[in-house]
Amino acid sequence: MDTLIARLGVALAIGLLVGLERGWRERDAPDRSRTAGIRTFGIAGLLGGLVAALADALNAISVLVAGFLAFAGIFAWYKAREAAHDEDFSVTTVIAGLAIFTLGAL
């Protein structure tokens, strides 16, 4: 149990650090124009850790694959809607979100 909590803490910390950096870099952007930041990436890292823990407990890698694909689909769909609204197309945030999910799962 202590190992699980430590792993989830590391997964959360990874996401929070990346989110903090992105938030700091976009600190001068006007309100409502900032994209994923400390909360979003923190949740992505923690979610990756939780899905990996569930896959480990069930001894089923398919749970991890399904979790990753679900996260990727939802995150990409949200970013596509946001990009269409803002007319600012970039995949950097999606790639970063997927990387944080994956790092959290490790």
PDB file of N, CA and C in Angstrom:
ATOM      1  N   MET A   1       0.825  -1.192   0.000  1.00  0.00           N
ATOM      2  CA  MET A   1       0.000   0.000   0.000  1.00  0.00           C
ATOM      3  C   MET A   1       0.872   1.260   0.000  1.00  0.00           C
ATOM      4  N   ASP A   2       1.934   1.257   0.801  1.00  0.00           N
ATOM      5  CA  ASP A   2       2.822   2.420   0.834  1.00  0.00           C
ATOM      6  C   ASP A   2       3.507   2.633  -0.509  1.00  0.00           C
ATOM      7  N   THR A   3       3.853   1.529  -1.181  1.00  0.00           N
ATOM      8  CA  THR A   3       4.483   1.634  -2.493  1.00  0.00           C
ATOM      9  C   THR A   3       3.514   2.243  -3.501  1.00  0.00           C
ATOM     10  N   LEU A   4       2.249   1.843  -3.434  1.00  0.00           N
ATOM     11  CA  LEU A   4       1.246   2.389  -4.342  1.00  0.00           C
ATOM     12  C   LEU A   4       1.079   3.891  -4.129  1.00  0.00           C
ATOM     13  N   ILE A   5       1.009   4.303  -2.881  1.00  0.00           N
ATOM     14  CA  ILE A   5       0.860   5.729  -2.579  1.00  0.00           C
ATOM     15  C   ILE A   5       2.081   6.508  -3.067  1.00  0.00           C
ATOM     16  N   ALA A   6       3.257   5.941  -2.886  1.00  0.00           N
ATOM     17  CA  ALA A   6       4.477   6.601  -3.362  1.00  0.00           C
ATOM     18  C   ALA A   6       4.472   6.719  -4.885  1.00  0.00           C
ATOM     19  N   ARG A   7       4.069   5.650  -5.567  1.00  0.00           N
ATOM     20  CA  ARG A   7       4.015   5.680  -7.035  1.00  0.00           C
ATOM     21  C   ARG A   7       3.013   6.718  -7.533  1.00  0.00           C
ATOM     22  N   LEU A   8       1.856   6.783  -6.883  1.00  0.00           N
ATOM     23  CA  LEU A   8       0.852   7.769  -7.281  1.00  0.00           C
ATOM     24  C   LEU A   8       1.329   9.189  -6.974  1.00  0.00           C
ATOM     25  N   GLY A   9       2.057   9.335  -5.871  1.00  0.00           N
ATOM     26  CA  GLY A   9       2.622  10.642  -5.536  1.00  0.00           C
ATOM     27  C   GLY A   9       3.631  11.105  -6.573  1.00  0.00           C
ATOM     28  N   VAL A  10       4.460  10.192  -7.040  1.00  0.00           N
ATOM     29  CA  VAL A  10       5.436  10.532  -8.081  1.00  0.00           C
ATOM     30  C   VAL A  10       4.719  10.871  -9.388  1.00  0.00           C
ATOM     31  N   ALA A  11       3.693  10.095  -9.733  1.00  0.00           N
ATOM     32  CA  ALA A  11       2.927  10.366 -10.954  1.00  0.00           C
ATOM     33  C   ALA A  11       2.288  11.750 -10.893  1.00  0.00           C
ATOM     34  N   LEU A  12       1.712  12.081  -9.744  1.00  0.00           N
ATOM     35  CA  LEU A  12       1.105  13.399  -9.564  1.00  0.00           C
ATOM     36  C   LEU A  12       2.164  14.498  -9.633  1.00  0.00           C
ATOM     37  N   ALA A  13       3.298  14.276  -8.988  1.00  0.00           N
ATOM     38  CA  ALA A  13       4.367  15.278  -8.973  1.00  0.00           C
ATOM     39  C   ALA A  13       4.894  15.561 -10.379  1.00  0.00           C
ATOM     40  N   ILE A  14       5.027  14.528 -11.195  1.00  0.00           N
ATOM     41  CA  ILE A  14       5.485  14.720 -12.575  1.00  0.00           C
ATOM     42  C   ILE A  14       4.524  15.636 -13.320  1.00  0.00           C
ATOM     43  N   GLY A  15       3.241  15.343 -13.203  1.00  0.00           N
ATOM     44  CA  GLY A  15       2.243  16.171 -13.874  1.00  0.00           C
ATOM     45  C   GLY A  15       2.222  17.594 -13.359  1.00  0.00           C
ATOM     46  N   LEU A  16       2.338  17.750 -12.043  1.00  0.00           N
ATOM     47  CA  LEU A  16       2.318  19.092 -11.459  1.00  0.00           C
ATOM     48  C   LEU A  16       3.520  19.916 -11.902  1.00  0.00           C
ATOM     49  N   LEU A  17       4.684  19.281 -11.986  1.00  0.00           N
ATOM     50  CA  LEU A  17       5.883  20.009 -12.419  1.00  0.00           C
ATOM     51  C   LEU A  17       5.763  20.499 -13.861  1.00  0.00           C
ATOM     52  N   VAL A  18       5.289  19.636 -14.733  1.00  0.00           N
ATOM     53  CA  VAL A  18       5.126  20.047 -16.130  1.00  0.00           C
ATOM     54  C   VAL A  18       4.045  21.115 -16.238  1.00  0.00           C
ATOM     55  N   GLY A  19       2.956  20.939 -15.513  1.00  0.00           N
ATOM     56  CA  GLY A  19       1.891  21.941 -15.517  1.00  0.00           C
ATOM     57  C   GLY A  19       2.346  23.274 -14.967  1.00  0.00           C
ATOM     58  N   LEU A  20       3.177  23.236 -13.940  1.00  0.00           N
ATOM     59  CA  LEU A  20       3.719  24.470 -13.370  1.00  0.00           C
ATOM     60  C   LEU A  20       4.578  25.205 -14.391  1.00  0.00           C
ATOM     61  N   GLU A  21       5.409  24.465 -15.094  1.00  0.00           N
ATOM     62  CA  GLU A  21       6.265  25.080 -16.115  1.00  0.00           C
ATOM     63  C   GLU A  21       5.422  25.699 -17.224  1.00  0.00           C
ATOM     64  N   ARG A  22       4.405  24.985 -17.687  1.00  0.00           N
ATOM     65  CA  ARG A  22       3.559  25.513 -18.762  1.00  0.00           C
ATOM     66  C   ARG A  22       2.767  26.726 -18.287  1.00  0.00           C
ATOM     67  N   GLY A  23       2.279  26.667 -17.060  1.00  0.00           N
ATOM     68  CA  GLY A  23       1.560  27.811 -16.513  1.00  0.00           C
ATOM     69  C   GLY A  23       2.453  29.027 -16.370  1.00  0.00           C
ATOM     70  N   TRP A  24       3.688  28.804 -15.952  1.00  0.00           N
ATOM     71  CA  TRP A  24       4.635  29.910 -15.796  1.00  0.00           C
ATOM     72  C   TRP A  24       4.962  30.528 -17.150  1.00  0.00           C
ATOM     73  N   ARG A  25       5.137  29.683 -18.156  1.00  0.00           N
ATOM     74  CA  ARG A  25       5.468  30.177 -19.487  1.00  0.00           C
ATOM     75  C   ARG A  25       4.312  30.981 -20.083  1.00  0.00           C
ATOM     76  N   GLU A  26       3.085  30.636 -19.740  1.00  0.00           N
ATOM     77  CA  GLU A  26       1.917  31.330 -20.283  1.00  0.00           C
ATOM     78  C   GLU A  26       1.325  32.337 -19.297  1.00  0.00           C
ATOM     79  N   ARG A  27       2.080  32.741 -18.305  1.00  0.00           N
ATOM     80  CA  ARG A  27       1.552  33.616 -17.251  1.00  0.00           C
ATOM     81  C   ARG A  27       1.093  34.973 -17.761  1.00  0.00           C
ATOM     82  N   ASP A  28       1.664  35.448 -18.855  1.00  0.00           N
ATOM     83  CA  ASP A  28       1.286  36.754 -19.386  1.00  0.00           C
ATOM     84  C   ASP A  28       0.145  36.681 -20.396  1.00  0.00           C
ATOM     85  N   ALA A  29      -0.301  35.473 -20.708  1.00  0.00           N
ATOM     86  CA  ALA A  29      -1.407  35.321 -21.663  1.00  0.00           C
ATOM     87  C   ALA A  29      -2.701  35.812 -21.020  1.00  0.00           C
ATOM     88  N   PRO A  30      -3.597  36.367 -21.816  1.00  0.00           N
ATOM     89  CA  PRO A  30      -4.861  36.847 -21.250  1.00  0.00           C
ATOM     90  C   PRO A  30      -5.689  35.699 -20.671  1.00  0.00           C
ATOM     91  N   ASP A  31      -6.536  36.032 -19.714  1.00  0.00           N
ATOM     92  CA  ASP A  31      -7.416  35.025 -19.131  1.00  0.00           C
ATOM     93  C   ASP A  31      -8.251  34.371 -20.226  1.00  0.00           C
ATOM     94  N   ARG A  32      -8.579  33.126 -19.996  1.00  0.00           N
ATOM     95  CA  ARG A  32      -9.370  32.302 -20.912  1.00  0.00           C
ATOM     96  C   ARG A  32      -8.614  31.919 -22.180  1.00  0.00           C
ATOM     97  N   SER A  33      -7.360  32.305 -22.301  1.00  0.00           N
ATOM     98  CA  SER A  33      -6.597  31.903 -23.478  1.00  0.00           C
ATOM     99  C   SER A  33      -5.545  30.857 -23.125  1.00  0.00           C
ATOM    100  N   ARG A  34      -5.341  30.623 -21.852  1.00  0.00           N
ATOM    101  CA  ARG A  34      -4.362  29.617 -21.433  1.00  0.00           C
ATOM    102  C   ARG A  34      -4.966  28.232 -21.576  1.00  0.00           C
ATOM    103  N   THR A  35      -4.135  27.305 -21.999  1.00  0.00           N
ATOM    104  CA  THR A  35      -4.610  25.930 -22.129  1.00  0.00           C
ATOM    105  C   THR A  35      -4.179  25.144 -20.903  1.00  0.00           C
ATOM    106  N   ALA A  36      -3.949  23.890 -21.091  1.00  0.00           N
ATOM    107  CA  ALA A  36      -3.651  22.987 -19.985  1.00  0.00           C
ATOM    108  C   ALA A  36      -2.504  23.503 -19.130  1.00  0.00           C
ATOM    109  N   GLY A  37      -2.697  23.437 -17.825  1.00  0.00           N
ATOM    110  CA  GLY A  37      -1.690  23.918 -16.891  1.00  0.00           C
ATOM    111  C   GLY A  37      -1.500  22.949 -15.747  1.00  0.00           C
ATOM    112  N   ILE A  38      -1.295  23.483 -14.571  1.00  0.00           N
ATOM    113  CA  ILE A  38      -0.926  22.669 -13.415  1.00  0.00           C
ATOM    114  C   ILE A  38      -2.006  21.648 -13.054  1.00  0.00           C
ATOM    115  N   ARG A  39      -3.253  22.046 -13.091  1.00  0.00           N
ATOM    116  CA  ARG A  39      -4.319  21.100 -12.726  1.00  0.00           C
ATOM    117  C   ARG A  39      -4.480  20.012 -13.773  1.00  0.00           C
ATOM    118  N   THR A  40      -4.509  20.410 -15.034  1.00  0.00           N
ATOM    119  CA  THR A  40      -4.729  19.443 -16.109  1.00  0.00           C
ATOM    120  C   THR A  40      -3.614  18.413 -16.161  1.00  0.00           C
ATOM    121  N   PHE A  41      -2.370  18.862 -16.117  1.00  0.00           N
ATOM    122  CA  PHE A  41      -1.260  17.926 -16.201  1.00  0.00           C
ATOM    123  C   PHE A  41      -1.101  17.121 -14.915  1.00  0.00           C
ATOM    124  N   GLY A  42      -1.430  17.709 -13.783  1.00  0.00           N
ATOM    125  CA  GLY A  42      -1.422  16.950 -12.533  1.00  0.00           C
ATOM    126  C   GLY A  42      -2.411  15.802 -12.580  1.00  0.00           C
ATOM    127  N   ILE A  43      -3.608  16.093 -13.071  1.00  0.00           N
ATOM    128  CA  ILE A  43      -4.631  15.053 -13.200  1.00  0.00           C
ATOM    129  C   ILE A  43      -4.206  14.008 -14.225  1.00  0.00           C
ATOM    130  N   ALA A  44      -3.603  14.430 -15.326  1.00  0.00           N
ATOM    131  CA  ALA A  44      -3.153  13.486 -16.351  1.00  0.00           C
ATOM    132  C   ALA A  44      -2.111  12.525 -15.791  1.00  0.00           C
ATOM    133  N   GLY A  45      -1.155  13.039 -15.037  1.00  0.00           N
ATOM    134  CA  GLY A  45      -0.142  12.175 -14.433  1.00  0.00           C
ATOM    135  C   GLY A  45      -0.740  11.219 -13.420  1.00  0.00           C
ATOM    136  N   LEU A  46      -1.614  11.736 -12.566  1.00  0.00           N
ATOM    137  CA  LEU A  46      -2.261  10.893 -11.560  1.00  0.00           C
ATOM    138  C   LEU A  46      -3.143   9.846 -12.218  1.00  0.00           C
ATOM    139  N   LEU A  47      -3.866  10.222 -13.259  1.00  0.00           N
ATOM    140  CA  LEU A  47      -4.708   9.268 -13.970  1.00  0.00           C
ATOM    141  C   LEU A  47      -3.868   8.163 -14.599  1.00  0.00           C
ATOM    142  N   GLY A  48      -2.729   8.520 -15.165  1.00  0.00           N
ATOM    143  CA  GLY A  48      -1.823   7.505 -15.701  1.00  0.00           C
ATOM    144  C   GLY A  48      -1.361   6.544 -14.623  1.00  0.00           C
ATOM    145  N   GLY A  49      -1.031   7.078 -13.445  1.00  0.00           N
ATOM    146  CA  GLY A  49      -0.626   6.226 -12.331  1.00  0.00           C
ATOM    147  C   GLY A  49      -1.743   5.324 -11.849  1.00  0.00           C
ATOM    148  N   LEU A  50      -2.958   5.850 -11.782  1.00  0.00           N
ATOM    149  CA  LEU A  50      -4.103   5.046 -11.339  1.00  0.00           C
ATOM    150  C   LEU A  50      -4.433   3.933 -12.326  1.00  0.00           C
ATOM    151  N   VAL A  51      -4.413   4.248 -13.611  1.00  0.00           N
ATOM    152  CA  VAL A  51      -4.696   3.231 -14.625  1.00  0.00           C
ATOM    153  C   VAL A  51      -3.620   2.148 -14.600  1.00  0.00           C
ATOM    154  N   ALA A  52      -2.366   2.537 -14.437  1.00  0.00           N
ATOM    155  CA  ALA A  52      -1.283   1.552 -14.359  1.00  0.00           C
ATOM    156  C   ALA A  52      -1.424   0.676 -13.119  1.00  0.00           C
ATOM    157  N   ALA A  53      -1.814   1.271 -11.992  1.00  0.00           N
ATOM    158  CA  ALA A  53      -2.011   0.492 -10.766  1.00  0.00           C
ATOM    159  C   ALA A  53      -3.161  -0.493 -10.932  1.00  0.00           C
ATOM    160  N   LEU A  54      -4.234  -0.062 -11.578  1.00  0.00           N
ATOM    161  CA  LEU A  54      -5.366  -0.951 -11.827  1.00  0.00           C
ATOM    162  C   LEU A  54      -4.968  -2.081 -12.766  1.00  0.00           C
ATOM    163  N   ALA A  55      -4.221  -1.757 -13.814  1.00  0.00           N
ATOM    164  CA  ALA A  55      -3.754  -2.781 -14.749  1.00  0.00           C
ATOM    165  C   ALA A  55      -2.846  -3.783 -14.050  1.00  0.00           C
ATOM    166  N   ASP A  56      -2.010  -3.295 -13.143  1.00  0.00           N
ATOM    167  CA  ASP A  56      -1.117  -4.172 -12.387  1.00  0.00           C
ATOM    168  C   ASP A  56      -1.904  -5.073 -11.444  1.00  0.00           C
ATOM    169  N   ALA A  57      -2.898  -4.502 -10.766  1.00  0.00           N
ATOM    170  CA  ALA A  57      -3.704  -5.285  -9.822  1.00  0.00           C
ATOM    171  C   ALA A  57      -4.511  -6.363 -10.538  1.00  0.00           C
ATOM    172  N   LEU A  58      -4.984  -6.055 -11.727  1.00  0.00           N
ATOM    173  CA  LEU A  58      -5.774  -7.022 -12.492  1.00  0.00           C
ATOM    174  C   LEU A  58      -4.901  -7.914 -13.371  1.00  0.00           C
ATOM    175  N   ASN A  59      -3.607  -7.608 -13.411  1.00  0.00           N
ATOM    176  CA  ASN A  59      -2.656  -8.334 -14.249  1.00  0.00           C
ATOM    177  C   ASN A  59      -3.136  -8.353 -15.705  1.00  0.00           C
ATOM    178  N   ALA A  60      -3.566  -7.176 -16.177  1.00  0.00           N
ATOM    179  CA  ALA A  60      -4.110  -7.062 -17.531  1.00  0.00           C
ATOM    180  C   ALA A  60      -3.575  -5.795 -18.183  1.00  0.00           C
ATOM    181  N   ILE A  61      -2.636  -5.968 -19.094  1.00  0.00           N
ATOM    182  CA  ILE A  61      -2.068  -4.826 -19.805  1.00  0.00           C
ATOM    183  C   ILE A  61      -3.127  -4.137 -20.664  1.00  0.00           C
ATOM    184  N   SER A  62      -4.171  -4.877 -21.020  1.00  0.00           N
ATOM    185  CA  SER A  62      -5.241  -4.303 -21.842  1.00  0.00           C
ATOM    186  C   SER A  62      -5.928  -3.135 -21.136  1.00  0.00           C
ATOM    187  N   VAL A  63      -5.960  -3.161 -19.810  1.00  0.00           N
ATOM    188  CA  VAL A  63      -6.544  -2.052 -19.052  1.00  0.00           C
ATOM    189  C   VAL A  63      -5.713  -0.791 -19.270  1.00  0.00           C
ATOM    190  N   LEU A  64      -4.407  -0.939 -19.262  1.00  0.00           N
ATOM    191  CA  LEU A  64      -3.520   0.206 -19.484  1.00  0.00           C
ATOM    192  C   LEU A  64      -3.663   0.743 -20.907  1.00  0.00           C
ATOM    193  N   VAL A  65      -3.720  -0.157 -21.866  1.00  0.00           N
ATOM    194  CA  VAL A  65      -3.879   0.260 -23.266  1.00  0.00           C
ATOM    195  C   VAL A  65      -5.219   0.971 -23.463  1.00  0.00           C
ATOM    196  N   ALA A  66      -6.286   0.393 -22.910  1.00  0.00           N
ATOM    197  CA  ALA A  66      -7.613   1.013 -23.034  1.00  0.00           C
ATOM    198  C   ALA A  66      -7.652   2.374 -22.337  1.00  0.00           C
ATOM    199  N   GLY A  67      -7.030   2.477 -21.176  1.00  0.00           N
ATOM    200  CA  GLY A  67      -6.980   3.751 -20.461  1.00  0.00           C
ATOM    201  C   GLY A  67      -6.227   4.804 -21.245  1.00  0.00           C
ATOM    202  N   PHE A  68      -5.104   4.412 -21.835  1.00  0.00           N
ATOM    203  CA  PHE A  68      -4.321   5.349 -22.637  1.00  0.00           C
ATOM    204  C   PHE A  68      -5.111   5.818 -23.853  1.00  0.00           C
ATOM    205  N   LEU A  69      -5.741   4.876 -24.550  1.00  0.00           N
ATOM    206  CA  LEU A  69      -6.508   5.241 -25.742  1.00  0.00           C
ATOM    207  C   LEU A  69      -7.701   6.127 -25.392  1.00  0.00           C
ATOM    208  N   ALA A  70      -8.363   5.832 -24.286  1.00  0.00           N
ATOM    209  CA  ALA A  70      -9.492   6.662 -23.855  1.00  0.00           C
ATOM    210  C   ALA A  70      -9.017   8.069 -23.506  1.00  0.00           C
ATOM    211  N   PHE A  71      -7.929   8.154 -22.751  1.00  0.00           N
ATOM    212  CA  PHE A  71      -7.378   9.464 -22.399  1.00  0.00           C
ATOM    213  C   PHE A  71      -6.966  10.225 -23.653  1.00  0.00           C
ATOM    214  N   ALA A  72      -6.276   9.545 -24.563  1.00  0.00           N
ATOM    215  CA  ALA A  72      -5.817  10.188 -25.797  1.00  0.00           C
ATOM    216  C   ALA A  72      -6.996  10.711 -26.610  1.00  0.00           C
ATOM    217  N   GLY A  73      -8.028   9.907 -26.729  1.00  0.00           N
ATOM    218  CA  GLY A  73      -9.193  10.321 -27.503  1.00  0.00           C
ATOM    219  C   GLY A  73      -9.908  11.514 -26.900  1.00  0.00           C
ATOM    220  N   ILE A  74     -10.152  11.469 -25.606  1.00  0.00           N
ATOM    221  CA  ILE A  74     -10.865  12.561 -24.936  1.00  0.00           C
ATOM    222  C   ILE A  74     -10.034  13.841 -24.953  1.00  0.00           C
ATOM    223  N   PHE A  75      -8.748  13.718 -24.647  1.00  0.00           N
ATOM    224  CA  PHE A  75      -7.877  14.891 -24.602  1.00  0.00           C
ATOM    225  C   PHE A  75      -7.747  15.520 -25.989  1.00  0.00           C
ATOM    226  N   ALA A  76      -7.555  14.681 -27.015  1.00  0.00           N
ATOM    227  CA  ALA A  76      -7.417  15.194 -28.382  1.00  0.00           C
ATOM    228  C   ALA A  76      -8.720  15.828 -28.857  1.00  0.00           C
ATOM    229  N   TRP A  77      -9.855  15.225 -28.526  1.00  0.00           N
ATOM    230  CA  TRP A  77     -11.151  15.793 -28.909  1.00  0.00           C
ATOM    231  C   TRP A  77     -11.341  17.168 -28.278  1.00  0.00           C
ATOM    232  N   TYR A  78     -11.032  17.275 -26.995  1.00  0.00           N
ATOM    233  CA  TYR A  78     -11.172  18.562 -26.313  1.00  0.00           C
ATOM    234  C   TYR A  78     -10.261  19.617 -26.939  1.00  0.00           C
ATOM    235  N   LYS A  79      -9.013  19.259 -27.182  1.00  0.00           N
ATOM    236  CA  LYS A  79      -8.071  20.217 -27.769  1.00  0.00           C
ATOM    237  C   LYS A  79      -8.480  20.601 -29.190  1.00  0.00           C
ATOM    238  N   ALA A  80      -9.050  19.670 -29.953  1.00  0.00           N
ATOM    239  CA  ALA A  80      -9.504  19.986 -31.307  1.00  0.00           C
ATOM    240  C   ALA A  80     -10.652  20.989 -31.266  1.00  0.00           C
ATOM    241  N   ARG A  81     -11.575  20.807 -30.340  1.00  0.00           N
ATOM    242  CA  ARG A  81     -12.678  21.765 -30.185  1.00  0.00           C
ATOM    243  C   ARG A  81     -12.143  23.136 -29.792  1.00  0.00           C
ATOM    244  N   GLU A  82     -11.207  23.144 -28.853  1.00  0.00           N
ATOM    245  CA  GLU A  82     -10.623  24.404 -28.403  1.00  0.00           C
ATOM    246  C   GLU A  82      -9.862  25.085 -29.543  1.00  0.00           C
ATOM    247  N   ALA A  83      -9.113  24.304 -30.317  1.00  0.00           N
ATOM    248  CA  ALA A  83      -8.332  24.865 -31.423  1.00  0.00           C
ATOM    249  C   ALA A  83      -9.242  25.433 -32.503  1.00  0.00           C
ATOM    250  N   ALA A  84     -10.348  24.760 -32.787  1.00  0.00           N
ATOM    251  CA  ALA A  84     -11.283  25.259 -33.796  1.00  0.00           C
ATOM    252  C   ALA A  84     -11.906  26.579 -33.342  1.00  0.00           C
ATOM    253  N   HIS A  85     -12.185  26.676 -32.064  1.00  0.00           N
ATOM    254  CA  HIS A  85     -12.774  27.909 -31.529  1.00  0.00           C
ATOM    255  C   HIS A  85     -11.768  29.057 -31.562  1.00  0.00           C
ATOM    256  N   ASP A  86     -10.541  28.775 -31.155  1.00  0.00           N
ATOM    257  CA  ASP A  86      -9.508  29.813 -31.068  1.00  0.00           C
ATOM    258  C   ASP A  86      -8.754  30.021 -32.379  1.00  0.00           C
ATOM    259  N   GLU A  87      -8.955  29.132 -33.348  1.00  0.00           N
ATOM    260  CA  GLU A  87      -8.214  29.140 -34.609  1.00  0.00           C
ATOM    261  C   GLU A  87      -6.709  29.135 -34.373  1.00  0.00           C
ATOM    262  N   ASP A  88      -6.298  28.310 -33.434  1.00  0.00           N
ATOM    263  CA  ASP A  88      -4.886  28.163 -33.077  1.00  0.00           C
ATOM    264  C   ASP A  88      -4.591  26.668 -33.015  1.00  0.00           C
ATOM    265  N   PHE A  89      -4.090  26.121 -34.110  1.00  0.00           N
ATOM    266  CA  PHE A  89      -3.905  24.685 -34.212  1.00  0.00           C
ATOM    267  C   PHE A  89      -2.471  24.301 -33.853  1.00  0.00           C
ATOM    268  N   SER A  90      -2.345  23.493 -32.815  1.00  0.00           N
ATOM    269  CA  SER A  90      -1.048  23.012 -32.362  1.00  0.00           C
ATOM    270  C   SER A  90      -1.259  21.687 -31.637  1.00  0.00           C
ATOM    271  N   VAL A  91      -0.348  20.760 -31.830  1.00  0.00           N
ATOM    272  CA  VAL A  91      -0.477  19.462 -31.172  1.00  0.00           C
ATOM    273  C   VAL A  91       0.431  19.345 -29.956  1.00  0.00           C
ATOM    274  N   THR A  92       1.138  20.402 -29.627  1.00  0.00           N
ATOM    275  CA  THR A  92       2.099  20.343 -28.526  1.00  0.00           C
ATOM    276  C   THR A  92       1.441  19.951 -27.213  1.00  0.00           C
ATOM    277  N   THR A  93       0.304  20.549 -26.895  1.00  0.00           N
ATOM    278  CA  THR A  93      -0.360  20.247 -25.633  1.00  0.00           C
ATOM    279  C   THR A  93      -0.852  18.808 -25.608  1.00  0.00           C
ATOM    280  N   VAL A  94      -1.350  18.314 -26.735  1.00  0.00           N
ATOM    281  CA  VAL A  94      -1.819  16.928 -26.791  1.00  0.00           C
ATOM    282  C   VAL A  94      -0.653  15.968 -26.584  1.00  0.00           C
ATOM    283  N   ILE A  95       0.448  16.215 -27.253  1.00  0.00           N
ATOM    284  CA  ILE A  95       1.631  15.358 -27.098  1.00  0.00           C
ATOM    285  C   ILE A  95       2.136  15.412 -25.659  1.00  0.00           C
ATOM    286  N   ALA A  96       2.175  16.599 -25.080  1.00  0.00           N
ATOM    287  CA  ALA A  96       2.618  16.736 -23.688  1.00  0.00           C
ATOM    288  C   ALA A  96       1.676  15.994 -22.742  1.00  0.00           C
ATOM    289  N   GLY A  97       0.370  16.097 -22.972  1.00  0.00           N
ATOM    290  CA  GLY A  97      -0.592  15.391 -22.131  1.00  0.00           C
ATOM    291  C   GLY A  97      -0.417  13.885 -22.208  1.00  0.00           C
ATOM    292  N   LEU A  98      -0.212  13.366 -23.409  1.00  0.00           N
ATOM    293  CA  LEU A  98       0.003  11.927 -23.573  1.00  0.00           C
ATOM    294  C   LEU A  98       1.318  11.490 -22.924  1.00  0.00           C
ATOM    295  N   ALA A  99       2.333  12.325 -23.040  1.00  0.00           N
ATOM    296  CA  ALA A  99       3.615  12.005 -22.405  1.00  0.00           C
ATOM    297  C   ALA A  99       3.483  11.979 -20.885  1.00  0.00           C
ATOM    298  N   ILE A 100       2.743  12.916 -20.325  1.00  0.00           N
ATOM    299  CA  ILE A 100       2.561  12.955 -18.874  1.00  0.00           C
ATOM    300  C   ILE A 100       1.757  11.752 -18.407  1.00  0.00           C
ATOM    301  N   PHE A 101       0.710  11.388 -19.138  1.00  0.00           N
ATOM    302  CA  PHE A 101      -0.058  10.187 -18.797  1.00  0.00           C
ATOM    303  C   PHE A 101       0.865   8.968 -18.789  1.00  0.00           C
ATOM    304  N   THR A 102       1.699   8.858 -19.832  1.00  0.00           N
ATOM    305  CA  THR A 102       2.616   7.720 -19.944  1.00  0.00           C
ATOM    306  C   THR A 102       3.652   7.727 -18.826  1.00  0.00           C
ATOM    307  N   LEU A 103       4.226   8.879 -18.530  1.00  0.00           N
ATOM    308  CA  LEU A 103       5.197   8.959 -17.433  1.00  0.00           C
ATOM    309  C   LEU A 103       4.544   8.618 -16.096  1.00  0.00           C
ATOM    310  N   GLY A 104       3.309   9.061 -15.904  1.00  0.00           N
ATOM    311  CA  GLY A 104       2.592   8.719 -14.683  1.00  0.00           C
ATOM    312  C   GLY A 104       2.344   7.228 -14.575  1.00  0.00           C
ATOM    313  N   ALA A 105       2.156   6.573 -15.711  1.00  0.00           N
ATOM    314  CA  ALA A 105       1.902   5.134 -15.719  1.00  0.00           C
ATOM    315  C   ALA A 105       3.163   4.321 -15.444  1.00  0.00           C
ATOM    316  N   LEU A 106       4.319   4.907 -15.661  1.00  0.00           N
ATOM    317  CA  LEU A 106       5.559   4.159 -15.433  1.00  0.00           C
ATOM    318  C   LEU A 106       5.739   3.926 -13.958  1.00  0.00           C
TER     319      LEU A 106
END
